[in-house]
Amino acid sequence: MSKEISNQLLETKYLVDYSIRTQGFNRAVASLLSTEMYFRRSVHRLIEYIGWVIFGLVCPHKLYRLSVGMAQIQLRHWRDLGFIRSMSPTVENLRLITDPTTNYMACRKYLVARGYTTGISSNELARLYTGSARKYYVSVLAKAETMWDKSPNKGIETDAE
């Protein structure tokens, strides 16, 4: 199981690597994005985007709780952090929420807004980002952190902001 997790995390690396080259390395952000992409593969995210459109038509008042993107951030936070203007499923919002670099920046900004400081444990980081520290999530996050610690492309870590 552990090797399977490691292999699947490696598959997420190329998307995050590009964002690191343009935004600077942040271990927590890179690890969280890898973890979220581990749990929400591309197919699952595609289904979420379709659901976003359906919810937007049927019950737009519930959109605020829908988590989308590689970063799996709720739509209300995407809006409140200034990445999208509304929670409506517009073409522009979809473009922004599917962009790897925008997800990297949103994850970083979300952490800062929640009071993130470098050096916190995987448990604390999971709790800060998701609201809880589920055992399996924390174990995948810890593996992602180890993967990024060993990455030759990480460069020098930049502050969360």
Protein backbone atom coordinates (compact mmCIF):
# COMPACT_ATOMS: atom_id res chain seq x y z
CA MET A 1 0.00 0.00 0.00
CA SER A 2 2.81 2.41 0.88
CA LYS A 3 4.55 1.95 -2.50
CA GLU A 4 1.21 2.48 -4.27
CA ILE A 5 0.74 5.79 -2.44
CA SER A 6 4.27 6.88 -3.33
CA ASN A 7 3.78 6.02 -7.01
CA GLN A 8 0.47 7.86 -7.18
CA LEU A 9 1.97 10.91 -5.46
CA LEU A 10 4.80 10.96 -8.02
CA GLU A 11 2.16 11.21 -10.75
CA THR A 12 0.98 14.54 -9.27
CA LYS A 13 4.48 16.00 -9.20
CA TYR A 14 4.70 17.36 -12.75
CA LEU A 15 1.66 19.62 -12.29
CA VAL A 16 3.01 21.05 -9.06
CA ASP A 17 6.58 21.35 -10.42
CA TYR A 18 5.47 23.88 -13.04
CA SER A 19 3.83 26.05 -10.40
CA ILE A 20 6.94 25.90 -8.22
CA ARG A 21 9.03 27.24 -11.10
CA THR A 22 6.68 30.22 -11.49
CA GLN A 23 5.63 30.82 -7.86
CA GLY A 24 8.54 29.64 -5.70
CA PHE A 25 8.69 26.52 -3.57
CA ASN A 26 6.50 26.12 -0.52
CA ARG A 27 6.68 22.64 1.02
CA ALA A 28 3.25 22.81 2.64
CA VAL A 29 1.53 23.98 -0.55
CA ALA A 30 3.28 21.42 -2.78
CA SER A 31 2.50 18.64 -0.29
CA LEU A 32 -1.14 19.62 0.12
CA LEU A 33 -1.70 19.84 -3.63
CA SER A 34 -0.12 16.43 -4.15
CA THR A 35 -2.25 15.00 -1.36
CA GLU A 36 -5.47 16.53 -2.66
CA MET A 37 -4.73 15.30 -6.19
CA TYR A 38 -4.05 11.84 -4.75
CA PHE A 39 -7.54 11.78 -3.24
CA ARG A 40 -9.24 13.58 -6.15
CA ARG A 41 -8.00 12.31 -9.49
CA SER A 42 -8.71 14.16 -12.74
CA VAL A 43 -11.86 12.11 -13.40
CA HIS A 44 -13.28 12.99 -9.99
CA ARG A 45 -12.53 16.66 -10.55
CA LEU A 46 -14.26 16.53 -13.95
CA ILE A 47 -17.36 15.12 -12.25
CA GLU A 48 -17.16 17.94 -9.69
CA TYR A 49 -17.08 20.54 -12.48
CA ILE A 50 -20.16 18.97 -14.06
CA GLY A 51 -21.79 18.95 -10.62
CA TRP A 52 -20.88 22.61 -10.22
CA VAL A 53 -22.86 23.46 -13.35
CA ILE A 54 -25.83 21.34 -12.24
CA PHE A 55 -25.84 22.77 -8.70
CA GLY A 56 -25.52 26.25 -10.20
CA LEU A 57 -28.77 25.67 -12.06
CA VAL A 58 -30.71 23.61 -9.51
CA CYS A 59 -29.62 24.87 -6.10
CA PRO A 60 -27.14 27.76 -6.35
CA HIS A 61 -27.53 28.47 -2.62
CA LYS A 62 -25.49 25.30 -1.90
CA LEU A 63 -22.53 26.19 -4.12
CA TYR A 64 -20.60 27.79 -1.26
CA ARG A 65 -19.78 24.34 0.20
CA LEU A 66 -18.60 22.71 -3.04
CA SER A 67 -14.84 22.03 -3.06
CA VAL A 68 -13.23 22.25 -6.49
CA GLY A 69 -9.87 22.38 -8.21
CA MET A 70 -6.64 20.55 -7.57
CA ALA A 71 -6.48 22.35 -4.24
CA GLN A 72 -10.02 21.21 -3.31
CA ILE A 73 -10.92 24.62 -1.90
CA GLN A 74 -14.58 25.47 -1.34
CA LEU A 75 -16.04 27.90 -3.86
CA ARG A 76 -16.76 30.50 -1.17
CA HIS A 77 -13.04 30.59 -0.33
CA TRP A 78 -12.04 30.84 -4.00
CA ARG A 79 -14.30 33.92 -4.12
CA ASP A 80 -13.33 35.36 -0.72
CA LEU A 81 -9.61 35.01 -1.52
CA GLY A 82 -10.18 37.00 -4.73
CA PHE A 83 -9.53 34.30 -7.32
CA ILE A 84 -13.06 34.27 -8.75
CA ARG A 85 -15.70 37.01 -8.73
CA SER A 86 -18.68 34.78 -8.04
CA MET A 87 -19.41 31.14 -7.30
CA SER A 88 -21.25 30.77 -10.61
CA PRO A 89 -19.89 28.14 -13.01
CA THR A 90 -18.69 30.55 -15.67
CA VAL A 91 -16.09 29.75 -18.32
CA GLU A 92 -13.64 32.18 -16.68
CA ASN A 93 -14.15 30.65 -13.22
CA LEU A 94 -13.65 27.16 -14.63
CA ARG A 95 -10.46 28.28 -16.40
CA LEU A 96 -9.07 29.74 -13.17
CA ILE A 97 -10.04 26.79 -10.98
CA THR A 98 -8.50 24.24 -13.35
CA ASP A 99 -5.21 26.12 -13.74
CA PRO A 100 -2.37 24.47 -11.74
CA THR A 101 -0.62 27.76 -10.94
CA THR A 102 -3.83 29.41 -9.76
CA ASN A 103 -4.44 26.38 -7.52
CA TYR A 104 -0.92 26.71 -6.11
CA MET A 105 -1.47 30.42 -5.38
CA ALA A 106 -4.95 29.76 -3.92
CA CYS A 107 -3.65 27.02 -1.64
CA ARG A 108 -0.85 29.28 -0.44
CA LYS A 109 -3.21 32.21 0.16
CA TYR A 110 -5.73 29.95 1.92
CA LEU A 111 -3.03 28.73 4.30
CA VAL A 112 -1.90 32.27 5.07
CA ALA A 113 -5.50 33.32 5.75
CA ARG A 114 -5.75 30.44 8.25
CA GLY A 115 -2.59 31.46 10.11
CA TYR A 116 -0.13 28.95 8.65
CA THR A 117 3.43 29.01 9.95
CA THR A 118 6.31 26.91 8.59
CA GLY A 119 7.43 23.89 10.51
CA ILE A 120 4.05 22.63 11.71
CA SER A 121 3.47 18.88 11.80
CA SER A 122 1.55 16.95 9.15
CA ASN A 123 -1.25 16.56 11.69
CA GLU A 124 -1.46 20.30 12.31
CA LEU A 125 -1.23 21.09 8.59
CA ALA A 126 -4.06 18.66 7.77
CA ARG A 127 -6.21 20.12 10.53
CA LEU A 128 -5.51 23.67 9.36
CA TYR A 129 -6.30 22.87 5.71
CA THR A 130 -9.21 20.43 6.00
CA GLY A 131 -10.58 21.11 9.46
CA SER A 132 -9.60 17.67 10.77
CA ALA A 133 -6.64 15.33 10.86
CA ARG A 134 -7.92 12.01 9.53
CA LYS A 135 -5.31 9.29 9.91
CA TYR A 136 -5.15 8.20 6.25
CA TYR A 137 -5.07 11.80 4.98
CA VAL A 138 -2.22 12.63 7.39
CA SER A 139 -0.26 9.54 6.29
CA VAL A 140 -0.56 10.50 2.61
CA LEU A 141 0.33 14.11 3.44
CA ALA A 142 3.43 12.96 5.35
CA LYS A 143 4.51 10.87 2.32
CA ALA A 144 3.97 13.89 0.07
CA GLU A 145 6.09 16.04 2.39
CA THR A 146 8.87 13.43 2.24
CA MET A 147 8.61 13.32 -1.55
CA TRP A 148 8.96 17.11 -1.77
CA ASP A 149 11.82 17.13 0.73
CA LYS A 150 13.73 14.88 -1.69
CA SER A 151 12.79 16.80 -4.83
CA PRO A 152 15.76 18.26 -6.73
CA ASN A 153 13.43 20.86 -8.29
CA LYS A 154 12.20 22.38 -5.07
CA GLY A 155 14.81 25.12 -4.87
CA ILE A 156 14.70 27.29 -1.78
CA GLU A 157 11.46 27.41 0.18
CA THR A 158 9.67 30.73 0.10
CA ASP A 159 7.38 32.05 2.79
CA ALA A 160 3.73 31.06 2.71
CA GLU A 161 2.62 34.44 1.41
